[in-house]
N, C-alpha and C. Protein backbone atom coordinates (compact mmCIF):
# COMPACT_ATOMS: atom_id res chain seq x y z
N MET A 1 -3.05 151.23 -43.95
CA MET A 1 -4.31 150.54 -44.12
C MET A 1 -4.13 149.08 -43.71
N GLN A 2 -5.05 148.62 -42.86
CA GLN A 2 -4.96 147.26 -42.37
C GLN A 2 -5.55 146.29 -43.39
N LYS A 3 -4.90 145.16 -43.58
CA LYS A 3 -5.38 144.16 -44.53
C LYS A 3 -5.93 142.97 -43.77
N PHE A 4 -7.05 142.48 -44.26
CA PHE A 4 -7.68 141.31 -43.66
C PHE A 4 -7.58 140.14 -44.62
N THR A 5 -7.34 138.98 -44.06
CA THR A 5 -7.34 137.76 -44.88
C THR A 5 -8.73 137.14 -44.83
N HIS A 6 -8.91 136.15 -45.66
CA HIS A 6 -10.20 135.47 -45.69
C HIS A 6 -10.50 134.81 -44.34
N SER A 7 -9.51 134.23 -43.73
CA SER A 7 -9.71 133.58 -42.42
C SER A 7 -10.04 134.62 -41.34
N ASP A 8 -9.47 135.82 -41.44
CA ASP A 8 -9.82 136.88 -40.48
C ASP A 8 -11.29 137.25 -40.59
N LEU A 9 -11.76 137.38 -41.82
CA LEU A 9 -13.16 137.73 -42.03
C LEU A 9 -14.09 136.62 -41.55
N LEU A 10 -13.71 135.38 -41.75
CA LEU A 10 -14.52 134.26 -41.26
C LEU A 10 -14.58 134.25 -39.74
N GLU A 11 -13.46 134.54 -39.10
CA GLU A 11 -13.43 134.58 -37.64
C GLU A 11 -14.31 135.71 -37.11
N ILE A 12 -14.25 136.86 -37.75
CA ILE A 12 -15.10 137.99 -37.33
C ILE A 12 -16.58 137.63 -37.49
N THR A 13 -16.91 137.00 -38.58
CA THR A 13 -18.30 136.58 -38.83
C THR A 13 -18.77 135.59 -37.77
N GLU A 14 -17.93 134.65 -37.42
CA GLU A 14 -18.28 133.67 -36.37
C GLU A 14 -18.49 134.36 -35.03
N GLN A 15 -17.62 135.31 -34.71
CA GLN A 15 -17.76 136.04 -33.45
C GLN A 15 -19.05 136.85 -33.42
N GLU A 16 -19.39 137.47 -34.54
CA GLU A 16 -20.64 138.22 -34.62
C GLU A 16 -21.85 137.31 -34.42
N ASN A 17 -21.82 136.16 -35.06
CA ASN A 17 -22.93 135.22 -34.92
C ASN A 17 -23.04 134.70 -33.49
N ASP A 18 -21.91 134.42 -32.86
CA ASP A 18 -21.92 133.99 -31.45
C ASP A 18 -22.51 135.07 -30.56
N LEU A 19 -22.13 136.31 -30.81
CA LEU A 19 -22.64 137.43 -30.01
C LEU A 19 -24.15 137.60 -30.22
N LYS A 20 -24.61 137.51 -31.45
CA LYS A 20 -26.05 137.63 -31.72
C LYS A 20 -26.82 136.53 -31.00
N THR A 21 -26.31 135.32 -31.05
CA THR A 21 -26.97 134.20 -30.38
C THR A 21 -27.00 134.42 -28.87
N PHE A 22 -25.90 134.87 -28.31
CA PHE A 22 -25.81 135.13 -26.87
C PHE A 22 -26.80 136.22 -26.46
N LEU A 23 -26.86 137.30 -27.21
CA LEU A 23 -27.76 138.40 -26.87
C LEU A 23 -29.22 137.99 -27.01
N LYS A 24 -29.52 137.20 -28.00
CA LYS A 24 -30.89 136.73 -28.19
C LYS A 24 -31.32 135.85 -27.01
N GLN A 25 -30.43 134.98 -26.55
CA GLN A 25 -30.74 134.12 -25.41
C GLN A 25 -30.94 134.95 -24.15
N LYS A 26 -30.08 135.95 -23.95
CA LYS A 26 -30.21 136.81 -22.77
C LYS A 26 -31.52 137.57 -22.80
N LYS A 27 -31.89 138.08 -23.98
CA LYS A 27 -33.11 138.86 -24.10
C LYS A 27 -34.33 137.99 -23.80
N GLU A 28 -34.35 136.77 -24.30
CA GLU A 28 -35.48 135.88 -24.07
C GLU A 28 -35.53 135.39 -22.63
N ALA A 29 -34.38 135.23 -22.02
CA ALA A 29 -34.33 134.68 -20.67
C ALA A 29 -34.79 135.69 -19.63
N ARG A 30 -34.59 136.97 -19.86
CA ARG A 30 -34.91 137.98 -18.86
C ARG A 30 -36.07 138.86 -19.34
N MET A 31 -37.25 138.40 -19.07
CA MET A 31 -38.43 139.18 -19.37
C MET A 31 -39.00 139.66 -18.04
N TYR A 32 -38.78 140.92 -17.72
CA TYR A 32 -39.25 141.48 -16.47
C TYR A 32 -40.58 142.19 -16.69
N SER A 33 -41.39 142.19 -15.66
CA SER A 33 -42.62 142.96 -15.68
C SER A 33 -42.81 143.57 -14.29
N PRO A 34 -43.47 144.70 -14.22
CA PRO A 34 -43.66 145.35 -12.92
C PRO A 34 -44.66 144.58 -12.06
N LYS A 35 -44.53 144.79 -10.76
CA LYS A 35 -45.48 144.17 -9.83
C LYS A 35 -46.85 144.81 -10.00
N LYS A 36 -47.88 144.08 -9.64
CA LYS A 36 -49.25 144.61 -9.73
C LYS A 36 -49.42 145.83 -8.84
N GLU A 37 -48.79 145.81 -7.67
CA GLU A 37 -48.93 146.95 -6.77
C GLU A 37 -48.23 148.20 -7.31
N THR A 38 -47.17 148.01 -8.07
CA THR A 38 -46.50 149.15 -8.70
C THR A 38 -47.41 149.79 -9.73
N ILE A 39 -48.04 148.97 -10.54
CA ILE A 39 -48.98 149.50 -11.54
C ILE A 39 -50.15 150.19 -10.85
N SER A 40 -50.64 149.59 -9.77
CA SER A 40 -51.74 150.18 -9.01
C SER A 40 -51.35 151.53 -8.44
N ASN A 41 -50.13 151.63 -7.89
CA ASN A 41 -49.66 152.91 -7.34
C ASN A 41 -49.58 153.99 -8.40
N ILE A 42 -49.08 153.65 -9.57
CA ILE A 42 -48.96 154.63 -10.65
C ILE A 42 -50.35 155.10 -11.10
N LEU A 43 -51.28 154.16 -11.24
CA LEU A 43 -52.63 154.53 -11.65
C LEU A 43 -53.32 155.40 -10.60
N ASN A 44 -53.14 155.06 -9.34
CA ASN A 44 -53.74 155.87 -8.27
C ASN A 44 -53.16 157.28 -8.25
N TYR A 45 -51.86 157.38 -8.45
CA TYR A 45 -51.22 158.71 -8.50
C TYR A 45 -51.78 159.52 -9.67
N SER A 46 -51.94 158.88 -10.82
CA SER A 46 -52.45 159.61 -11.98
C SER A 46 -53.88 160.09 -11.76
N LYS A 47 -54.66 159.34 -10.98
CA LYS A 47 -56.03 159.76 -10.68
C LYS A 47 -56.06 160.92 -9.70
N ALA A 48 -55.08 160.98 -8.81
CA ALA A 48 -55.04 162.02 -7.79
C ALA A 48 -54.36 163.30 -8.28
N LEU A 49 -53.64 163.24 -9.36
CA LEU A 49 -52.89 164.39 -9.87
C LEU A 49 -53.79 165.29 -10.69
N SER A 50 -53.72 166.58 -10.40
CA SER A 50 -54.47 167.57 -11.17
C SER A 50 -53.49 168.61 -11.69
N VAL A 51 -53.50 168.84 -12.99
CA VAL A 51 -52.64 169.84 -13.61
C VAL A 51 -53.54 170.88 -14.24
N ARG A 52 -53.41 172.14 -13.80
CA ARG A 52 -54.26 173.23 -14.29
C ARG A 52 -53.42 174.34 -14.88
N LYS A 53 -53.95 174.97 -15.89
CA LYS A 53 -53.28 176.13 -16.49
C LYS A 53 -53.53 177.32 -15.59
N SER A 54 -52.51 178.15 -15.44
CA SER A 54 -52.59 179.32 -14.57
C SER A 54 -52.39 180.58 -15.40
N LYS A 55 -52.97 181.66 -14.95
CA LYS A 55 -52.78 182.93 -15.65
C LYS A 55 -51.38 183.49 -15.43
N LYS A 56 -50.86 183.33 -14.21
CA LYS A 56 -49.56 183.92 -13.89
C LYS A 56 -48.41 182.94 -14.04
N LEU A 57 -48.70 181.66 -13.86
CA LEU A 57 -47.69 180.62 -14.03
C LEU A 57 -48.11 179.77 -15.22
N ASP A 58 -47.21 178.97 -15.72
CA ASP A 58 -47.59 178.10 -16.84
C ASP A 58 -48.64 177.09 -16.40
N PHE A 59 -48.25 176.21 -15.48
CA PHE A 59 -49.15 175.18 -14.99
C PHE A 59 -48.98 175.01 -13.50
N ILE A 60 -50.05 174.58 -12.83
CA ILE A 60 -50.00 174.28 -11.40
C ILE A 60 -50.36 172.81 -11.25
N GLU A 61 -49.49 172.07 -10.54
CA GLU A 61 -49.74 170.66 -10.28
C GLU A 61 -50.18 170.50 -8.83
N MET A 62 -51.29 169.78 -8.62
CA MET A 62 -51.79 169.55 -7.26
C MET A 62 -52.13 168.08 -7.09
N ILE A 63 -51.86 167.56 -5.90
CA ILE A 63 -52.31 166.23 -5.52
C ILE A 63 -53.61 166.41 -4.76
N LEU A 64 -54.69 165.79 -5.22
CA LEU A 64 -56.03 166.05 -4.68
C LEU A 64 -56.34 165.26 -3.42
N ASN A 65 -55.50 164.37 -2.98
CA ASN A 65 -55.78 163.58 -1.77
C ASN A 65 -55.49 164.36 -0.54
C-alpha cells in the first residue's frame, strides 16, 4: 500500500487545480460554430429526404430532387 504525505496531497491538489484552470481556458477560447452554408445544406437535405414505410421492407429512403 502506497503512503502519501501531506505535501504529496497538496501537490496533487495544486496539479488538479492547474489542470482545471487550463481546461476551462481552453474550453472558453475555442467556441466553434458551423458555417451558415453547412446549416443550409443540412436543412435542404432534410427537406428533400423522404422516408416511407414499406410492406416488404422496413423503410424506403428517397431523395425527392
